Amino acid sequence: MAEGEFIRNHENIVMVGNSGTGKTHLASAIAYSACRKGFRVRFYTAAGLVNELIAAQHEYRLSKMEKQWLVPDLVVIDEFGFVPFSKAGSELLFQYCSARYERGSLIITTNLEFAKWTEILGDEQMTAALLDRLTHRAHILNMNGESYRFRESLSKQT
């Protein structure tokens, strides 16, 4: 993955696992490696991206912003699932990811198993369609395990 072949093939990476298992760290490392190889990369938190999309829609600049969605070769969307989205936010996130489908790569980090994504997006059909696009030709990494932060805190106390 650090070589960027998944980016050349327009594939995605979805990292699913408990908090503190290194998803963001690994996503950042892959993004950094992609930058060093000359790929254009953007990094968002899921909430930050949705807020940016909603603001663009309210300011009537969403169509202008849509043209920029395919500029990055790789987009990292971190912390998907920490905060539920409004109906408009979910629809805009779906629109964003759909526009990039098979035209640019995404790395998604999430602490939610796929079955619970409807709780965040609020619409079962849209969630199914989004998961269908994100997981098609994707590398799905199960990163469950013990939290590194928690383990570090415990080791400092002993």
Protein backbone atom coordinates (compact mmCIF):
# COMPACT_ATOMS: atom_id res chain seq x y z
CA MET A 1 0.00 0.00 0.00
CA ALA A 2 2.86 2.36 0.75
CA GLU A 3 4.00 1.95 -2.86
CA GLY A 4 0.73 3.54 -4.08
CA GLU A 5 -0.40 0.81 -6.44
CA PHE A 6 -3.92 1.00 -4.96
CA ILE A 7 -3.99 4.70 -5.91
CA ARG A 8 -2.95 4.00 -9.51
CA ASN A 9 -5.76 1.39 -9.64
CA HIS A 10 -8.34 3.75 -8.06
CA GLU A 11 -8.91 1.34 -5.19
CA ASN A 12 -9.96 2.25 -1.66
CA ILE A 13 -8.79 1.23 1.78
CA VAL A 14 -11.27 0.90 4.62
CA MET A 15 -9.79 0.48 8.10
CA VAL A 16 -12.26 -0.80 10.66
CA GLY A 17 -11.40 -1.21 14.32
CA ASN A 18 -11.55 -0.11 17.91
CA SER A 19 -10.28 3.28 19.00
CA GLY A 20 -6.56 3.42 19.62
CA THR A 21 -5.55 0.60 17.26
CA GLY A 22 -3.54 2.77 14.87
CA LYS A 23 -5.99 3.42 12.04
CA THR A 24 -5.29 7.15 11.79
CA HIS A 25 -1.56 6.58 12.24
CA LEU A 26 -1.48 4.04 9.41
CA ALA A 27 -3.72 6.16 7.16
CA SER A 28 -1.42 9.15 7.72
CA ALA A 29 1.66 7.07 6.97
CA ILE A 30 0.15 5.80 3.70
CA ALA A 31 -0.91 9.36 2.79
CA TYR A 32 2.58 10.66 3.57
CA SER A 33 4.14 7.95 1.42
CA ALA A 34 1.73 8.84 -1.40
CA CYS A 35 2.81 12.50 -1.17
CA ARG A 36 6.46 11.47 -1.39
CA LYS A 37 5.64 9.50 -4.54
CA GLY A 38 4.08 12.58 -6.15
CA PHE A 39 0.40 11.82 -5.57
CA ARG A 40 -1.95 14.65 -4.59
CA VAL A 41 -3.49 13.92 -1.17
CA ARG A 42 -6.18 15.52 1.02
CA PHE A 43 -6.90 14.62 4.65
CA TYR A 44 -10.25 15.30 6.34
CA THR A 45 -12.06 14.17 9.41
CA ALA A 46 -15.46 12.89 8.34
CA ALA A 47 -17.20 15.64 10.35
CA GLY A 48 -14.88 18.29 8.89
CA LEU A 49 -15.58 17.17 5.32
CA VAL A 50 -19.34 17.11 5.89
CA ASN A 51 -19.22 20.58 7.48
CA GLU A 52 -17.22 21.88 4.51
CA LEU A 53 -19.73 20.37 2.06
CA ILE A 54 -22.71 21.82 3.94
CA ALA A 55 -21.08 25.27 4.08
CA ALA A 56 -20.37 25.13 0.34
CA GLN A 57 -23.98 24.19 -0.34
CA HIS A 58 -25.31 27.04 1.82
CA GLU A 59 -22.97 29.50 0.11
CA TYR A 60 -24.00 28.26 -3.35
CA ARG A 61 -20.47 27.12 -4.20
CA LEU A 62 -21.08 23.38 -4.16
CA SER A 63 -21.01 23.04 -7.96
CA LYS A 64 -17.67 24.89 -8.03
CA MET A 65 -16.38 22.63 -5.25
CA GLU A 66 -17.56 19.50 -7.11
CA LYS A 67 -15.00 20.21 -9.84
CA GLN A 68 -12.26 19.99 -7.20
CA TRP A 69 -13.40 16.62 -5.80
CA LEU A 70 -11.39 14.64 -8.33
CA VAL A 71 -8.19 16.71 -8.09
CA PRO A 72 -6.62 14.69 -5.25
CA ASP A 73 -5.43 11.23 -6.18
CA LEU A 74 -6.07 10.11 -2.61
CA VAL A 75 -8.47 11.44 0.01
CA VAL A 76 -8.31 10.26 3.62
CA ILE A 77 -11.59 10.49 5.54
CA ASP A 78 -10.72 9.91 9.18
CA GLU A 79 -13.00 9.13 12.13
CA PHE A 80 -16.07 8.08 10.18
CA GLY A 81 -18.73 7.08 12.68
CA PHE A 82 -17.84 9.27 15.64
CA VAL A 83 -20.67 11.73 14.98
CA PRO A 84 -23.98 11.09 13.19
CA PHE A 85 -24.65 13.33 10.19
CA SER A 86 -27.74 15.32 9.32
CA LYS A 87 -29.79 14.12 6.36
CA ALA A 88 -28.22 16.83 4.18
CA GLY A 89 -24.73 15.98 5.45
CA SER A 90 -25.19 12.27 4.73
CA GLU A 91 -26.46 12.99 1.23
CA LEU A 92 -23.53 15.31 0.50
CA LEU A 93 -21.01 12.77 1.79
CA PHE A 94 -22.63 10.12 -0.40
CA GLN A 95 -22.45 12.50 -3.38
CA TYR A 96 -18.76 13.19 -2.67
CA CYS A 97 -17.80 9.52 -2.38
CA SER A 98 -19.90 8.56 -5.40
CA ALA A 99 -18.21 11.22 -7.53
CA ARG A 100 -14.82 9.73 -6.65
CA TYR A 101 -15.94 6.11 -7.25
CA GLU A 102 -13.41 4.43 -9.58
CA ARG A 103 -11.89 7.87 -10.37
CA GLY A 104 -9.87 8.46 -7.19
CA SER A 105 -8.88 6.55 -4.09
CA LEU A 106 -10.21 6.93 -0.57
CA ILE A 107 -8.92 5.77 2.76
CA ILE A 108 -11.70 5.58 5.35
CA THR A 109 -10.99 5.00 9.03
CA THR A 110 -13.88 3.97 11.22
CA ASN A 111 -14.59 2.44 14.58
CA LEU A 112 -17.97 1.15 13.34
CA GLU A 113 -18.60 -2.19 11.71
CA PHE A 114 -20.44 -1.83 8.40
CA ALA A 115 -23.76 -3.00 9.87
CA LYS A 116 -23.86 0.11 12.07
CA TRP A 117 -23.18 2.69 9.34
CA THR A 118 -26.92 3.27 8.91
CA GLU A 119 -26.94 4.77 12.43
CA ILE A 120 -24.52 7.47 11.22
CA LEU A 121 -25.97 8.07 7.76
CA GLY A 122 -29.62 7.65 8.73
CA ASP A 123 -30.78 6.00 5.51
CA GLU A 124 -30.54 2.27 4.88
CA GLN A 125 -30.60 2.40 1.06
CA MET A 126 -28.04 5.20 0.85
CA THR A 127 -25.79 3.38 3.32
CA ALA A 128 -25.99 0.19 1.24
CA ALA A 129 -25.18 2.11 -1.94
CA LEU A 130 -22.27 3.92 -0.29
CA LEU A 131 -20.82 0.71 1.14
CA ASP A 132 -21.22 -0.96 -2.24
CA ARG A 133 -19.10 1.75 -3.87
CA LEU A 134 -16.53 2.05 -1.09
CA THR A 135 -15.90 -1.68 -0.73
CA HIS A 136 -15.84 -2.55 -4.43
CA ARG A 137 -12.20 -3.34 -5.27
CA ALA A 138 -11.20 -2.19 -1.77
CA HIS A 139 -8.70 -3.34 0.78
CA ILE A 140 -10.61 -3.85 4.03
CA LEU A 141 -8.37 -3.94 7.08
CA ASN A 142 -9.79 -5.25 10.34
CA MET A 143 -7.80 -3.44 13.02
CA ASN A 144 -9.52 -4.54 16.20
CA GLY A 145 -7.40 -5.05 19.24
CA GLU A 146 -6.22 -3.36 22.38
CA SER A 147 -5.87 0.44 22.38
CA TYR A 148 -2.25 1.56 22.15
CA ARG A 149 -3.09 4.71 24.11
CA PHE A 150 -4.75 2.74 26.89
CA ARG A 151 -1.85 0.28 27.06
CA GLU A 152 0.62 3.18 27.22
CA SER A 153 -1.34 4.80 30.05
CA LEU A 154 -1.33 1.55 31.99
CA SER A 155 2.41 1.08 31.52
CA LYS A 156 3.11 4.56 32.89
CA GLN A 157 1.18 3.75 36.06
CA THR A 158 3.23 0.64 36.87
